[in-house]
Each structure stands twice: as structure tokens, then as C-alpha cells.
Amino acid sequence: MSLLGRDGRPTTSSSIFMLQELNGAYPDTYGYIGKSYTFKVPAGTYSTASWISQRDAAGLEVNTSVVGDPEIKVDRDTEVVLDARKAVEIKPKTKEDSEFQGFSTNWHREGPGTAFGVTYSQGWWTDHIYVAPTEKVTQGMFEFSSKFRLYAKELTASVTGPEKYALPLDYAQTDSGLPVKVSGDHTVRAVDAGAGTAADFAGLDVKGKVAVVRVVAGGTPDEALANATAAGAGYVLAYRETPGYWIAWAKSTTVPLMIATGEDGAKLGALLKSGKKVKLKMAGTPVSPYVYNVMFPQVGAVSANQTYNLNSSNTVKQTVRYHGAGAGDVGKDAVYRYRPWQSADIATTTNVRLGTERTEYYNVSDNRIWHAVYPNWKANQPQWGPVRTFDKAGKQPTEDWLGQVVRPATAQQAGLSQRTGDKLTFRVPELSDATPGHYGYADNVLDTAKGKLYADGQLVGDTALGGYGTFTAPAAKSSYRLVVDTQRTADWAAYSTATHTEWSFASAHTDQQTALGLLSVDYDVAGLNLLNSAEAGHTSKLGLSVRNQSGGVTASSLKAWVSYDDGTSWKEVKVKHGKAELKHPKKDARFVSLRVRAGDRDGNIVDQTVVRAFGLK
């Protein structure tokens, strides 16, 4: 097997490959291959593919060509040449001027004796992805798919004087959430700041301008960034003395830190040294108002047409709101997209500005979609949503993520809390947000959850996994009480800092799996803003609905209490038909804590306290 690059020459760098025999006569194989390799295999029908990489001078993969043959009859010595020149670019197109920031591709093949595939996920520095058309397979199943998330262009730049040309730039990554980014259109003078040392900035007028700094090979931009910021620079543009793309990191930024390749930086540096005034035009969208989450499966063969025009006839549109606790908070999300035959997927997280909303699109297909949203970029556990399939174009209802009140509650997709024989198994997510169908877990690092189970007042057992655990219980009918306590200690966790929930229910030996009588309370606080706050001195309407693990139930009893001192003192509020009014004080209170006690006609009871359920402003 030989690999040819897009220039028609043998490849000079390693590329991912996969090889399988459809009847299982040869082990499913994947790894890296250079320009060629000889495999000793038994006769059979094979599928093979390679992700042929093209790298820049720094060794980063700047474009990739997926080239393969899903059905090769091998009955003698056989030469397979995978030629990247045959690959066509995969181009998702939107009505907006969009860009992708990373993507993944998957090659999957099934035969009588094997089901095997490879997914390759790539970063934002890979600008182009290509795939070579194939013939339609005559046996078994074959799929190739590509996945993208498309955003408004984050940053475009060009030199406008004394010469005119495009200047590709990217932002440096930071260790503290989102970097500071360019917003809107700006034309600014660029200034040569040498290596970015304090001496280079001495007497240099960079106030409000772009400080262009040259960083030595292997160096970081931190010193130059600090010196430029101290000198009043409005922007910093850094490049390394060595050619190629540079994935730069900085501890934090207070001005936009932009990175050019070594070649583009050297060209700009030479222009600056000419003594002429150099101007840069920059346009930035720091927070994209939309994102397209798309996956394009092809079944049986890879098509020669790889342009995908996305429009209202083949997409689903949804307004999505991401709640937070403070202005500028940064979370992250991931969208897992599964084909019907898949049980797992690979997805990378992308930072999301909380306290904002955006329009999200999905292409119509039989893909299964699973969205996960993290309450902070440092969080370990996300909120999970239900698995969805969008098989018809149109508009979906608005969806809220990370809205208060976050608390323990059962969720169908998280699993059934049930009894089989004398084993009681609990599956209660401890940190679920206010949107029905969402659920989240304590990670026992930044937050903790502990659970205890009692039967007729006697401790049966405890668990450090909060709402999760399996207990051996008495066979006789008993009155049970499950107690779950959570604590959130992360500096970004402003709400639901502590919860205490008690579930009371009866259970006896059963030969078949039987759902336990756990009740959950769903909270609807009208008027909360995107920072999960209500107006101090005003009245909030609180909606309370009760459900068991099968769905909504009519509560036989429903009471609620409110506290404005983190639970030190409580005041009962009147609940009528699941509605209550909370009259907030005008001052001396920053948070609202809630306690709710609900029961059903079967005697099941939930008693739940949430400290700092939401904020006041």
C-alpha cells in the first residue's frame, strides 16, 4: 500500500490508516503508515483507508485527504495506491459566512466476520478536509461520515497599507477561559516591537496600536504580552522566528493576542522594517450568534459531490439559552452525533459564553444527537440532554441550559431506580437543571454527594456516589427513606451550593424489576434572567410540578418555604394549584433558598431543600 500526497509525490509524513478483511480472516488493524508498507495477508475481501496528511514547516497537519477502497478483492500479490489528488474538498455551506473550528471523519465497514471503523478528530489548525469518491460496495455495509460545527468567522485580518493582502490570524489559547477577542471592525496601525522585551518597548508608542512581536523558537508570548499591555498596546500580534503554524498558549490576556505563522509574521516584520506606516484591518465576532451542528453520512459509497448547502429545507432551527451566574462566565459544550449503528462517539468541547443565547441548527438525518453542556470551562461533569433525532426540517422550541433550580431529580435517560428481589438500585442524578429531560451528576471533586438508605428507621447502607448505589434490603414490606446531600465548593458554583433531599416510600420483595416510588419536583421560576437572578423588591412566580419515574402525578400535598439567609430562617409560602409567589426583599439579600415537600396518593413523599436556589439583583 502506497500513499501519494496532493502534489502527486509519495508522502513524507506518517498518516493514520485502517485495514480489515470482511470475513474476519485478518485482524482489524489501524495505526500510522509512512509513504508505503507491505502487509502479508490471507486471500479475502478487504477494506482500507488512510487519512493522508499534509503538514506545514512546523509539522502541523494543515489539510487531510481521506482516501480508501471499501472493497478490494485480494487473491494474489496486490498493489494499492491511495492518491490524495483524487480527493475532493468537503464543503458545508451556510447562508452566513461561516467557518469550522475542528471536525471529525469516520470510515466504517461491516462484513460477515467484522464490524470496524476509525474516527479521526482534528483541531482548528487543519483548514481543509478532502475525501476521495469510491465505488458502491456489493457486500456488507459501508459508511463514510463527516462532522462539523460551523460558527461565524471569529477573526479576519488584512494588511491595508502600504501593501494590500490577506493576513491569516488565530487567537492564542489561554489557561483562563476565553481569550480577549476583537469585536467589530477596526483599522489600526501596526508597530514593530522586536522581540517584545522591556527594552524593545522603551520609548515605543504602541498605545491603542498593534504591537508586532517576534518570539524565538520554542518561546512563549507571555513576556511580550505583559510588556505590550504595560505599554498600552491595544492588540498584540506574535509570530515565531521559525516557519509554520504556532499553537500558542498564554496564562491570560487583557488585550487580543493574535498569532501568525512564521512565514506571514516574517513578511509583516519586513514590511514594518521598511519604515513605512503599516495598517491592519481586523474584523471580529467574539461570540458567534449561531452554530451549525452537522453530520453528513454517506451509505454504500463516497460521492464525488461533497458540497452541502444548508438551508431551511434541510435543517432544524432552535434558539438555545445558556444561563450562568456572572457576566462573562465561560462554560463549554459538546455535541455527540451517532449513526444508528454506533454506541459511542468522539466529540471535543468548545467554550460557550454563559448568560447568552444563540441560534443552533442541525441537519435533517437519522443521526442521533446528544448535547452536553458544562457549567464552567473548569467543570468535570456536564448537564446532559435527551438523545434526539431530527428527521424533519422546521423549528424546535427554545431550550434553556443551566437554568435554576439545579437539584437532585430522577431522569428517564439516567436509568430507573428500581427493586428486583431484595436489591434496591438507585439512579438519581444529583445536579439536574430546570429543563425537563436534563440531568447532571456530582463529580466528587469540585462537588460532593452522599447518600444514605434507611428501612423502618434503621440504616441499611450509605454511598459516596450520592443518588447512585445498590443496597440489599429486608424482604418484608418496609418504609424506606433515601437521603441525599450535595455540596458545591467550586469558586464558580454560585447557586445550589447545598441541597438536602429525602425520599420516603414503601417497598417489599418482588420477583420482577419494579420502579421505586421516588418523586421529583420540577421548578419554574418565572422572570429569571440569563444570570439566574430575579429582581430584588419584586415578586417571582414559582411553579411547582411533581412527577414520579413514569411521569407527572397529582400531588396530594404540596408545601413550600423560602429563605433569604441561606436557610437560617424559613417562611412558608402559600401554594395553590402548584403555584406560589415569592415576595423578595428590596435589600440585604442576595440569594433565594427554597424548601419543598410534596406527596402523592400512594404515600410517596419528597422533601427537598436547595440553598441559594437563585440570585437577586
Foldseek 3Di string as FASTA:
>chain_A
DFEAELVRHQAADKWKKWKDFQQRQDDTDIDIDGGDDDDDGAWGWMWMWIFRFDFDPVGDGQETEIFIEGTDGDDDDDDDYTYSNQWDWFAEDEPAPKAFFKKKKKKWWHHNHDTDMDIDTDGRNHRIYTYHWYAFDDGGKIKMKMWTKIFHDFKWKWWDPPDTDTFDKDFAAAPAAAADGDAFKDKFWEAEQEQQALVSLVVPQQAQHEYEHEHEVPDACASSQVNCVVNRHQEYEYEYCGFDFDRHYYHHHPHTYMYGGNVSSVVVVVVNVVVDTIMMMMHGDNATQEMETEMDMDMRIGDPDNYHYDDQFFKEKEKEAAFFADQQFKKKKWKFKADPVDPDGDTDIDIHGFLDMHMYMYTADQIWIKMWIGRHNPDDKTKIADIDHHNGGDYDYYYYGPAFDWAKDDAVVQDFQWDAFQKTWFRIAGTAHQDHRIGMHDPCPQKWKKKWKDWQRHTQDIDRRHRGDMTGHDQAKTKMKMWMKMAGHDPRCQWLRIKIKIKIFIDHGDNDIDGTFGKDKRKDWPPQHSNQAHAAQAKIKIAIFMAGNVGGADWPDKWKWKDQPQPPDIDTFDADPRITMDRHHNDPGFAMKMWMWTHHPNGIIMTMIGGRRGTYD
